Amino acid sequence: MEIQLNKYYSEPSIFLPENLLREARRQKNKKDCNVPAICVLDPDGDLANFLINNKQAIKNECWACYHSSLYAFELDGVQTGIIPCIVGSSYAVLVAEQLFVSGCRLLISVTSAGIIGQPDNSKRFALITQAVRDEGTSYHYLPPDRPSVLKTDLLLKVNRLLRQDKCPFFEASSWTTDAPYRETQTAINNMKAKGIVCVEMEAAALYALSEVKNYDIICFAHLTNSMAQSEGDFEKGEEFGSIDTLNLVSYLIGIFKPGSLTNK
C-alpha cells in the first residue's frame, strides 16, 4: 500500500508547527502567549456555540492558527480552551500539533459517533481506549503494526473515575474512518464482530500523535446515532448535547488540574 511506503519514522519533520505559528503571529500581529493548559476539540461545534451564545466563552487572542478559532471559558475555576468544527483525522492532528506548542498540556476530544455494537449500559459517552486505524494520518506517525491506544498513564488516572457510580462514560474500542459515507453493512458487521462499539473520524490519528510525541490526549465518543438509518436519529440531548458534554469535561477536570500537567 502506497500510504505505508516512504515513512521514515526515525527522522524528524522539516516542517514544524512552532515555525508555522511564528509566521502566523508575525502576519496577524499577535502576541506570543500561551493558550489554556486544558483544551477541548469540539468537532460538531455545538458546545462552542452554546458557550458563545450564552456569553460564557470569548475568543482567545493567543491562538495564531490560520485554520481555526479558539475560545476560552472557565469551568470549575479552570481556564479551558475550545476549538469548534475540527472534523477528521488530518485536521484534528494539524490543530493538535499546534495546540501543544502553544501551551496546551491536555487535549480532550469529544466527537459524535455512530453506534456499531450496542453497549450493555445506558451511558452516552464512550472513553475510547483503542481505535482501529482505517484512516491515513496515523500511518505518518506510527508503523502499520502498532495499535492506536490511549496512553497507559492517562488510562490509569481515568480508571479512578470509571470506578465511580456517577461516572458518565465507559471504556470502548472505536473504528476511525476517513470516509463516513462508505460504511458498508459488511464492514460494520466485521467491526461489530471485533467488539467495536462505535465509528468516528479522529481518535486513531490523535492517539498516534499522542504516543509519538508523548502528548496527553483523551478521546471520547458521544454515541448519538445509528448512521441515520432511521428517522429521528442524531438526537444529542439538551442544547444539542452541550450540557452533557460540559458535565463530562467538568468530571475530568477534577483529576487534571493544570498544575498537575507536566510540560512536554
C-alpha atoms as a PDB file:
ATOM      1  CA  MET A   1       0.000   0.000   0.000  1.00  0.00           C
ATOM      2  CA  GLU A   2       1.391   3.369  -1.031  1.00  0.00           C
ATOM      3  CA  ILE A   3       0.236   5.002   2.190  1.00  0.00           C
ATOM      4  CA  GLN A   4       2.587   2.720   4.117  1.00  0.00           C
ATOM      5  CA  LEU A   5       5.631   3.483   1.950  1.00  0.00           C
ATOM      6  CA  ASN A   6       8.245   6.219   2.353  1.00  0.00           C
ATOM      7  CA  LYS A   7       7.561   6.727   6.038  1.00  0.00           C
ATOM      8  CA  TYR A   8      10.836   7.386   7.843  1.00  0.00           C
ATOM      9  CA  TYR A   9       9.683   7.202  11.430  1.00  0.00           C
ATOM     10  CA  SER A  10      13.072   7.890  12.985  1.00  0.00           C
ATOM     11  CA  GLU A  11      13.596  11.130  11.040  1.00  0.00           C
ATOM     12  CA  PRO A  12      12.318  14.478  12.341  1.00  0.00           C
ATOM     13  CA  SER A  13       9.948  16.556  10.251  1.00  0.00           C
ATOM     14  CA  ILE A  14      11.355  19.612   8.486  1.00  0.00           C
ATOM     15  CA  PHE A  15       8.024  21.457   8.788  1.00  0.00           C
ATOM     16  CA  LEU A  16       7.410  22.299  12.423  1.00  0.00           C
ATOM     17  CA  PRO A  17       4.175  23.673  13.896  1.00  0.00           C
ATOM     18  CA  GLU A  18       6.038  26.207  16.021  1.00  0.00           C
ATOM     19  CA  ASN A  19       7.636  27.660  12.886  1.00  0.00           C
ATOM     20  CA  LEU A  20       4.282  27.998  11.150  1.00  0.00           C
ATOM     21  CA  LEU A  21       2.819  29.715  14.204  1.00  0.00           C
ATOM     22  CA  ARG A  22       5.811  32.062  14.369  1.00  0.00           C
ATOM     23  CA  GLU A  23       4.992  33.311  10.878  1.00  0.00           C
ATOM     24  CA  ALA A  24       1.263  33.418  11.613  1.00  0.00           C
ATOM     25  CA  ARG A  25       1.892  35.627  14.658  1.00  0.00           C
ATOM     26  CA  ARG A  26       4.045  37.923  12.545  1.00  0.00           C
ATOM     27  CA  GLN A  27       1.464  38.224   9.787  1.00  0.00           C
ATOM     28  CA  LYS A  28      -1.508  38.581  12.148  1.00  0.00           C
ATOM     29  CA  ASN A  29       0.348  40.842  14.600  1.00  0.00           C
ATOM     30  CA  LYS A  30      -0.438  38.532  17.515  1.00  0.00           C
ATOM     31  CA  LYS A  31       1.300  38.315  20.872  1.00  0.00           C
ATOM     32  CA  ASP A  32       3.456  35.291  21.672  1.00  0.00           C
ATOM     33  CA  CYS A  33       1.434  33.944  24.604  1.00  0.00           C
ATOM     34  CA  ASN A  34       0.008  30.618  25.736  1.00  0.00           C
ATOM     35  CA  VAL A  35      -3.418  29.100  25.192  1.00  0.00           C
ATOM     36  CA  PRO A  36      -5.119  27.381  28.199  1.00  0.00           C
ATOM     37  CA  ALA A  37      -3.397  24.253  29.510  1.00  0.00           C
ATOM     38  CA  ILE A  38      -6.585  22.218  29.038  1.00  0.00           C
ATOM     39  CA  CYS A  39      -8.276  22.383  25.638  1.00  0.00           C
ATOM     40  CA  VAL A  40     -11.266  20.674  24.034  1.00  0.00           C
ATOM     41  CA  LEU A  41     -11.789  19.681  20.415  1.00  0.00           C
ATOM     42  CA  ASP A  42     -15.485  20.068  19.593  1.00  0.00           C
ATOM     43  CA  PRO A  43     -15.954  18.579  16.086  1.00  0.00           C
ATOM     44  CA  ASP A  44     -19.711  19.214  15.969  1.00  0.00           C
ATOM     45  CA  GLY A  45     -19.314  22.773  17.251  1.00  0.00           C
ATOM     46  CA  ASP A  46     -22.412  22.518  19.452  1.00  0.00           C
ATOM     47  CA  LEU A  47     -20.693  23.053  22.794  1.00  0.00           C
ATOM     48  CA  ALA A  48     -18.700  26.020  21.495  1.00  0.00           C
ATOM     49  CA  ASN A  49     -21.869  27.593  20.058  1.00  0.00           C
ATOM     50  CA  PHE A  50     -23.674  27.087  23.365  1.00  0.00           C
ATOM     51  CA  LEU A  51     -20.874  28.759  25.338  1.00  0.00           C
ATOM     52  CA  ILE A  52     -20.511  31.655  22.891  1.00  0.00           C
ATOM     53  CA  ASN A  53     -24.252  32.283  22.601  1.00  0.00           C
ATOM     54  CA  ASN A  54     -24.533  32.350  26.398  1.00  0.00           C
ATOM     55  CA  LYS A  55     -21.566  34.714  26.676  1.00  0.00           C
ATOM     56  CA  GLN A  56     -19.549  32.152  28.615  1.00  0.00           C
ATOM     57  CA  ALA A  57     -16.690  31.953  26.120  1.00  0.00           C
ATOM     58  CA  ILE A  58     -14.588  34.606  24.398  1.00  0.00           C
ATOM     59  CA  LYS A  59     -12.133  34.378  21.535  1.00  0.00           C
ATOM     60  CA  ASN A  60      -8.576  33.657  22.660  1.00  0.00           C
ATOM     61  CA  GLU A  61      -6.122  36.063  21.051  1.00  0.00           C
ATOM     62  CA  CYS A  62      -3.067  33.900  21.793  1.00  0.00           C
ATOM     63  CA  TRP A  63      -4.162  31.298  19.225  1.00  0.00           C
ATOM     64  CA  ALA A  64      -2.401  32.023  15.934  1.00  0.00           C
ATOM     65  CA  CYS A  65      -3.661  29.104  13.832  1.00  0.00           C
ATOM     66  CA  TYR A  66      -4.563  30.006  10.243  1.00  0.00           C
ATOM     67  CA  HIS A  67      -7.377  27.471  10.051  1.00  0.00           C
ATOM     68  CA  SER A  68      -9.430  27.732  13.238  1.00  0.00           C
ATOM     69  CA  SER A  69     -10.541  29.881  16.159  1.00  0.00           C
ATOM     70  CA  LEU A  70     -10.030  29.048  19.838  1.00  0.00           C
ATOM     71  CA  TYR A  71     -12.382  30.267  22.551  1.00  0.00           C
ATOM     72  CA  ALA A  72     -11.682  30.341  26.292  1.00  0.00           C
ATOM     73  CA  PHE A  73     -14.152  29.697  29.087  1.00  0.00           C
ATOM     74  CA  GLU A  74     -13.955  28.955  32.792  1.00  0.00           C
ATOM     75  CA  LEU A  75     -15.079  25.575  34.089  1.00  0.00           C
ATOM     76  CA  ASP A  76     -14.853  24.718  37.801  1.00  0.00           C
ATOM     77  CA  GLY A  77     -12.379  27.552  38.246  1.00  0.00           C
ATOM     78  CA  VAL A  78     -10.135  26.273  35.455  1.00  0.00           C
ATOM     79  CA  GLN A  79      -9.462  28.281  32.296  1.00  0.00           C
ATOM     80  CA  THR A  80     -10.289  25.958  29.401  1.00  0.00           C
ATOM     81  CA  GLY A  81      -9.935  26.324  25.632  1.00  0.00           C
ATOM     82  CA  ILE A  82     -12.302  25.007  22.979  1.00  0.00           C
ATOM     83  CA  ILE A  83     -11.981  24.797  19.202  1.00  0.00           C
ATOM     84  CA  PRO A  84     -15.134  24.009  17.205  1.00  0.00           C
ATOM     85  CA  CYS A  85     -15.629  22.081  13.964  1.00  0.00           C
ATOM     86  CA  ILE A  86     -12.318  20.184  13.872  1.00  0.00           C
ATOM     87  CA  VAL A  87     -13.574  17.229  11.831  1.00  0.00           C
ATOM     88  CA  GLY A  88     -11.452  14.341  10.555  1.00  0.00           C
ATOM     89  CA  SER A  89      -8.064  12.890  11.396  1.00  0.00           C
ATOM     90  CA  SER A  90      -5.780  15.139   9.376  1.00  0.00           C
ATOM     91  CA  TYR A  91      -7.430  18.366  10.550  1.00  0.00           C
ATOM     92  CA  ALA A  92      -7.571  17.187  14.178  1.00  0.00           C
ATOM     93  CA  VAL A  93      -3.867  16.318  14.203  1.00  0.00           C
ATOM     94  CA  LEU A  94      -2.883  19.543  12.438  1.00  0.00           C
ATOM     95  CA  VAL A  95      -4.662  21.547  15.138  1.00  0.00           C
ATOM     96  CA  ALA A  96      -3.434  19.309  17.979  1.00  0.00           C
ATOM     97  CA  GLU A  97       0.194  19.708  16.871  1.00  0.00           C
ATOM     98  CA  GLN A  98      -0.211  23.473  17.032  1.00  0.00           C
ATOM     99  CA  LEU A  99      -2.053  23.415  20.358  1.00  0.00           C
ATOM    100  CA  PHE A 100       0.723  21.534  22.134  1.00  0.00           C
ATOM    101  CA  VAL A 101       3.392  24.005  21.043  1.00  0.00           C
ATOM    102  CA  SER A 102       1.078  26.857  22.084  1.00  0.00           C
ATOM    103  CA  GLY A 103       0.765  25.915  25.750  1.00  0.00           C
ATOM    104  CA  CYS A 104      -1.815  23.136  25.780  1.00  0.00           C
ATOM    105  CA  ARG A 105      -0.934  20.253  28.124  1.00  0.00           C
ATOM    106  CA  LEU A 106      -4.107  18.153  27.947  1.00  0.00           C
ATOM    107  CA  LEU A 107      -6.359  17.807  24.909  1.00  0.00           C
ATOM    108  CA  ILE A 108      -9.855  16.314  25.224  1.00  0.00           C
ATOM    109  CA  SER A 109     -11.726  15.390  22.045  1.00  0.00           C
ATOM    110  CA  VAL A 110     -15.490  14.776  22.257  1.00  0.00           C
ATOM    111  CA  THR A 111     -16.970  13.734  18.925  1.00  0.00           C
ATOM    112  CA  SER A 112     -20.323  12.397  17.785  1.00  0.00           C
ATOM    113  CA  ALA A 113     -20.138   8.735  16.835  1.00  0.00           C
ATOM    114  CA  GLY A 114     -22.240   6.116  15.137  1.00  0.00           C
ATOM    115  CA  ILE A 115     -23.132   3.049  17.166  1.00  0.00           C
ATOM    116  CA  ILE A 116     -21.644  -0.193  15.795  1.00  0.00           C
ATOM    117  CA  GLY A 117     -22.233  -2.521  18.739  1.00  0.00           C
ATOM    118  CA  GLN A 118     -24.881  -1.572  21.253  1.00  0.00           C
ATOM    119  CA  PRO A 119     -23.197  -1.190  24.677  1.00  0.00           C
ATOM    120  CA  ASP A 120     -24.545  -3.094  27.670  1.00  0.00           C
ATOM    121  CA  ASN A 121     -25.214   0.150  29.567  1.00  0.00           C
ATOM    122  CA  SER A 122     -27.214   3.341  29.087  1.00  0.00           C
ATOM    123  CA  LYS A 123     -24.264   5.751  29.127  1.00  0.00           C
ATOM    124  CA  ARG A 124     -23.955   8.028  26.111  1.00  0.00           C
ATOM    125  CA  PHE A 125     -20.193   8.677  26.243  1.00  0.00           C
ATOM    126  CA  ALA A 126     -17.506   6.135  25.406  1.00  0.00           C
ATOM    127  CA  LEU A 127     -13.921   6.639  26.546  1.00  0.00           C
ATOM    128  CA  ILE A 128     -12.011   5.414  23.506  1.00  0.00           C
ATOM    129  CA  THR A 129      -9.167   3.211  24.725  1.00  0.00           C
ATOM    130  CA  GLN A 130      -8.229   1.785  21.313  1.00  0.00           C
ATOM    131  CA  ALA A 131      -9.094   2.782  17.747  1.00  0.00           C
ATOM    132  CA  VAL A 132      -8.982   0.815  14.503  1.00  0.00           C
ATOM    133  CA  ARG A 133      -6.686   2.684  12.107  1.00  0.00           C
ATOM    134  CA  ASP A 134      -8.865   2.971   8.996  1.00  0.00           C
ATOM    135  CA  GLU A 135      -7.628   6.444   8.037  1.00  0.00           C
ATOM    136  CA  GLY A 136      -4.417   7.869   6.641  1.00  0.00           C
ATOM    137  CA  THR A 137      -2.940  10.279   9.152  1.00  0.00           C
ATOM    138  CA  SER A 138      -1.879   7.776  11.815  1.00  0.00           C
ATOM    139  CA  TYR A 139       0.404   5.986   9.333  1.00  0.00           C
ATOM    140  CA  HIS A 140       2.599   9.089   9.137  1.00  0.00           C
ATOM    141  CA  TYR A 141       3.235   8.778  12.889  1.00  0.00           C
ATOM    142  CA  LEU A 142       3.114   5.067  13.751  1.00  0.00           C
ATOM    143  CA  PRO A 143       4.176   1.991  11.750  1.00  0.00           C
ATOM    144  CA  PRO A 144       1.245  -0.133  10.479  1.00  0.00           C
ATOM    145  CA  ASP A 145       1.818  -2.904  13.040  1.00  0.00           C
ATOM    146  CA  ARG A 146       1.414  -0.574  16.048  1.00  0.00           C
ATOM    147  CA  PRO A 147      -2.001  -0.120  17.706  1.00  0.00           C
ATOM    148  CA  SER A 148      -3.527   3.291  18.291  1.00  0.00           C
ATOM    149  CA  VAL A 149      -4.360   3.405  22.004  1.00  0.00           C
ATOM    150  CA  LEU A 150      -4.945   5.742  24.917  1.00  0.00           C
ATOM    151  CA  LYS A 151      -1.706   6.301  26.844  1.00  0.00           C
ATOM    152  CA  THR A 152      -1.361   3.937  29.810  1.00  0.00           C
ATOM    153  CA  ASP A 153      -0.715   6.678  32.364  1.00  0.00           C
ATOM    154  CA  LEU A 154      -3.848   8.542  31.269  1.00  0.00           C
ATOM    155  CA  LEU A 155      -5.934   5.382  31.433  1.00  0.00           C
ATOM    156  CA  LEU A 156      -4.710   4.729  34.973  1.00  0.00           C
ATOM    157  CA  LYS A 157      -5.802   8.219  36.015  1.00  0.00           C
ATOM    158  CA  VAL A 158      -9.191   7.929  34.344  1.00  0.00           C
ATOM    159  CA  ASN A 159      -9.730   4.472  35.852  1.00  0.00           C
ATOM    160  CA  ARG A 160     -10.249   6.188  39.194  1.00  0.00           C
ATOM    161  CA  LEU A 161     -13.321   7.837  37.700  1.00  0.00           C
ATOM    162  CA  LEU A 162     -14.581   4.704  35.973  1.00  0.00           C
ATOM    163  CA  ARG A 163     -14.985   3.015  39.341  1.00  0.00           C
ATOM    164  CA  GLN A 164     -17.454   5.674  40.490  1.00  0.00           C
ATOM    165  CA  ASP A 165     -21.181   5.032  40.056  1.00  0.00           C
ATOM    166  CA  LYS A 166     -21.818   8.537  38.724  1.00  0.00           C
ATOM    167  CA  CYS A 167     -19.162   8.240  36.004  1.00  0.00           C
ATOM    168  CA  PRO A 168     -20.797   9.384  32.727  1.00  0.00           C
ATOM    169  CA  PHE A 169     -18.651   7.233  30.437  1.00  0.00           C
ATOM    170  CA  PHE A 170     -17.461   3.667  29.867  1.00  0.00           C
ATOM    171  CA  GLU A 171     -14.443   2.135  28.097  1.00  0.00           C
ATOM    172  CA  ALA A 172     -14.794   1.140  24.449  1.00  0.00           C
ATOM    173  CA  SER A 173     -12.949   0.493  21.208  1.00  0.00           C
ATOM    174  CA  SER A 174     -13.774   2.561  18.140  1.00  0.00           C
ATOM    175  CA  TRP A 175     -13.325   2.454  14.394  1.00  0.00           C
ATOM    176  CA  THR A 176     -11.726   5.605  12.958  1.00  0.00           C
ATOM    177  CA  THR A 177     -12.606   6.128   9.312  1.00  0.00           C
ATOM    178  CA  ASP A 178     -11.844   8.791   6.727  1.00  0.00           C
ATOM    179  CA  ALA A 179     -14.956   8.005   4.704  1.00  0.00           C
ATOM    180  CA  PRO A 180     -18.188   8.165   6.738  1.00  0.00           C
ATOM    181  CA  TYR A 181     -20.363   7.655   3.664  1.00  0.00           C
ATOM    182  CA  ARG A 182     -18.621   4.367   2.833  1.00  0.00           C
ATOM    183  CA  GLU A 183     -19.602   2.458   5.964  1.00  0.00           C
ATOM    184  CA  THR A 184     -20.993  -0.634   4.254  1.00  0.00           C
ATOM    185  CA  GLN A 185     -23.040  -3.246   6.083  1.00  0.00           C
ATOM    186  CA  THR A 186     -20.320  -5.872   5.664  1.00  0.00           C
ATOM    187  CA  ALA A 187     -17.699  -3.530   7.093  1.00  0.00           C
ATOM    188  CA  ILE A 188     -19.992  -2.697  10.007  1.00  0.00           C
ATOM    189  CA  ASN A 189     -20.605  -6.390  10.655  1.00  0.00           C
ATOM    190  CA  ASN A 190     -16.861  -7.080  10.653  1.00  0.00           C
ATOM    191  CA  MET A 191     -16.214  -4.305  13.158  1.00  0.00           C
ATOM    192  CA  LYS A 192     -19.085  -5.456  15.345  1.00  0.00           C
ATOM    193  CA  ALA A 193     -17.630  -8.987  15.387  1.00  0.00           C
ATOM    194  CA  LYS A 194     -14.353  -7.487  16.688  1.00  0.00           C
ATOM    195  CA  GLY A 195     -16.140  -5.857  19.610  1.00  0.00           C
ATOM    196  CA  ILE A 196     -16.033  -2.335  18.195  1.00  0.00           C
ATOM    197  CA  VAL A 197     -18.637  -0.105  19.836  1.00  0.00           C
ATOM    198  CA  CYS A 198     -18.640   2.977  17.606  1.00  0.00           C
ATOM    199  CA  VAL A 199     -17.310   4.701  14.494  1.00  0.00           C
ATOM    200  CA  GLU A 200     -15.799   8.200  14.419  1.00  0.00           C
ATOM    201  CA  MET A 201     -13.200  10.176  12.491  1.00  0.00           C
ATOM    202  CA  GLU A 202     -10.369  11.373  14.760  1.00  0.00           C
ATOM    203  CA  ALA A 203      -9.269   9.063  17.579  1.00  0.00           C
ATOM    204  CA  ALA A 204      -6.785   6.762  15.808  1.00  0.00           C
ATOM    205  CA  ALA A 205      -4.750   9.667  14.467  1.00  0.00           C
ATOM    206  CA  LEU A 206      -4.869  11.667  17.702  1.00  0.00           C
ATOM    207  CA  TYR A 207      -3.675   8.655  19.690  1.00  0.00           C
ATOM    208  CA  ALA A 208      -0.861   8.029  17.202  1.00  0.00           C
ATOM    209  CA  LEU A 209       0.290  11.622  17.703  1.00  0.00           C
ATOM    210  CA  SER A 210      -0.084  11.192  21.465  1.00  0.00           C
ATOM    211  CA  GLU A 211       2.208   8.162  21.526  1.00  0.00           C
ATOM    212  CA  VAL A 212       4.907   9.516  19.236  1.00  0.00           C
ATOM    213  CA  LYS A 213       5.207  12.939  20.890  1.00  0.00           C
ATOM    214  CA  ASN A 214       4.111  11.950  24.404  1.00  0.00           C
ATOM    215  CA  TYR A 215       1.199  14.375  24.353  1.00  0.00           C
ATOM    216  CA  ASP A 216      -1.726  13.908  26.720  1.00  0.00           C
ATOM    217  CA  ILE A 217      -4.790  13.333  24.528  1.00  0.00           C
ATOM    218  CA  ILE A 218      -8.053  11.701  25.583  1.00  0.00           C
ATOM    219  CA  CYS A 219     -10.777  10.896  23.051  1.00  0.00           C
ATOM    220  CA  PHE A 220     -14.458  10.406  23.809  1.00  0.00           C
ATOM    221  CA  ALA A 221     -17.260   9.326  21.526  1.00  0.00           C
ATOM    222  CA  HIS A 222     -20.723  10.736  22.106  1.00  0.00           C
ATOM    223  CA  LEU A 223     -22.980   7.893  20.953  1.00  0.00           C
ATOM    224  CA  THR A 224     -25.616   9.845  19.072  1.00  0.00           C
ATOM    225  CA  ASN A 225     -26.703   7.901  16.016  1.00  0.00           C
ATOM    226  CA  SER A 226     -27.056   4.703  14.020  1.00  0.00           C
ATOM    227  CA  MET A 227     -25.787   6.401  10.855  1.00  0.00           C
ATOM    228  CA  ALA A 228     -29.220   7.869  10.084  1.00  0.00           C
ATOM    229  CA  GLN A 229     -30.698   4.508   9.138  1.00  0.00           C
ATOM    230  CA  SER A 230     -33.988   5.571  10.732  1.00  0.00           C
ATOM    231  CA  GLU A 231     -35.773   8.879  11.173  1.00  0.00           C
ATOM    232  CA  GLY A 232     -35.276  10.783  14.412  1.00  0.00           C
ATOM    233  CA  ASP A 233     -31.570   9.927  14.600  1.00  0.00           C
ATOM    234  CA  PHE A 234     -28.763  12.231  15.789  1.00  0.00           C
ATOM    235  CA  GLU A 235     -30.586  13.437  18.901  1.00  0.00           C
ATOM    236  CA  LYS A 236     -27.844  14.531  21.294  1.00  0.00           C
ATOM    237  CA  GLY A 237     -29.876  15.828  24.215  1.00  0.00           C
ATOM    238  CA  GLU A 238     -30.424  19.238  25.809  1.00  0.00           C
ATOM    239  CA  GLU A 239     -28.844  22.106  23.839  1.00  0.00           C
ATOM    240  CA  PHE A 240     -27.652  19.602  21.229  1.00  0.00           C
ATOM    241  CA  GLY A 241     -25.776  17.648  23.881  1.00  0.00           C
ATOM    242  CA  SER A 242     -23.880  20.666  25.181  1.00  0.00           C
ATOM    243  CA  ILE A 243     -24.995  20.268  28.794  1.00  0.00           C
ATOM    244  CA  ASP A 244     -23.957  16.606  28.922  1.00  0.00           C
ATOM    245  CA  THR A 245     -20.645  17.322  27.201  1.00  0.00           C
ATOM    246  CA  LEU A 246     -19.891  20.171  29.587  1.00  0.00           C
ATOM    247  CA  ASN A 247     -20.604  17.857  32.525  1.00  0.00           C
ATOM    248  CA  LEU A 248     -18.251  15.264  31.026  1.00  0.00           C
ATOM    249  CA  VAL A 249     -15.391  17.746  30.728  1.00  0.00           C
ATOM    250  CA  SER A 250     -16.103  19.035  34.241  1.00  0.00           C
ATOM    251  CA  TYR A 251     -15.929  15.470  35.538  1.00  0.00           C
ATOM    252  CA  LEU A 252     -12.434  15.070  34.073  1.00  0.00           C
ATOM    253  CA  ILE A 253     -11.008  18.387  35.196  1.00  0.00           C
ATOM    254  CA  GLY A 254     -11.012  17.272  38.824  1.00  0.00           C
ATOM    255  CA  ILE A 255      -8.127  14.870  38.160  1.00  0.00           C
ATOM    256  CA  PHE A 256      -6.369  17.005  35.554  1.00  0.00           C
ATOM    257  CA  LYS A 257      -5.800  20.354  37.217  1.00  0.00           C
ATOM    258  CA  PRO A 258      -3.377  22.451  35.146  1.00  0.00           C
ATOM    259  CA  GLY A 259      -0.786  22.446  37.940  1.00  0.00           C
ATOM    260  CA  SER A 260      -0.575  18.646  37.718  1.00  0.00           C
ATOM    261  CA  LEU A 261       0.100  18.651  33.972  1.00  0.00           C
ATOM    262  CA  THR A 262       3.746  18.360  33.037  1.00  0.00           C
ATOM    263  CA  ASN A 263       5.469  20.238  30.261  1.00  0.00           C
ATOM    264  CA  LYS A 264       6.378  18.037  27.330  1.00  0.00           C
END
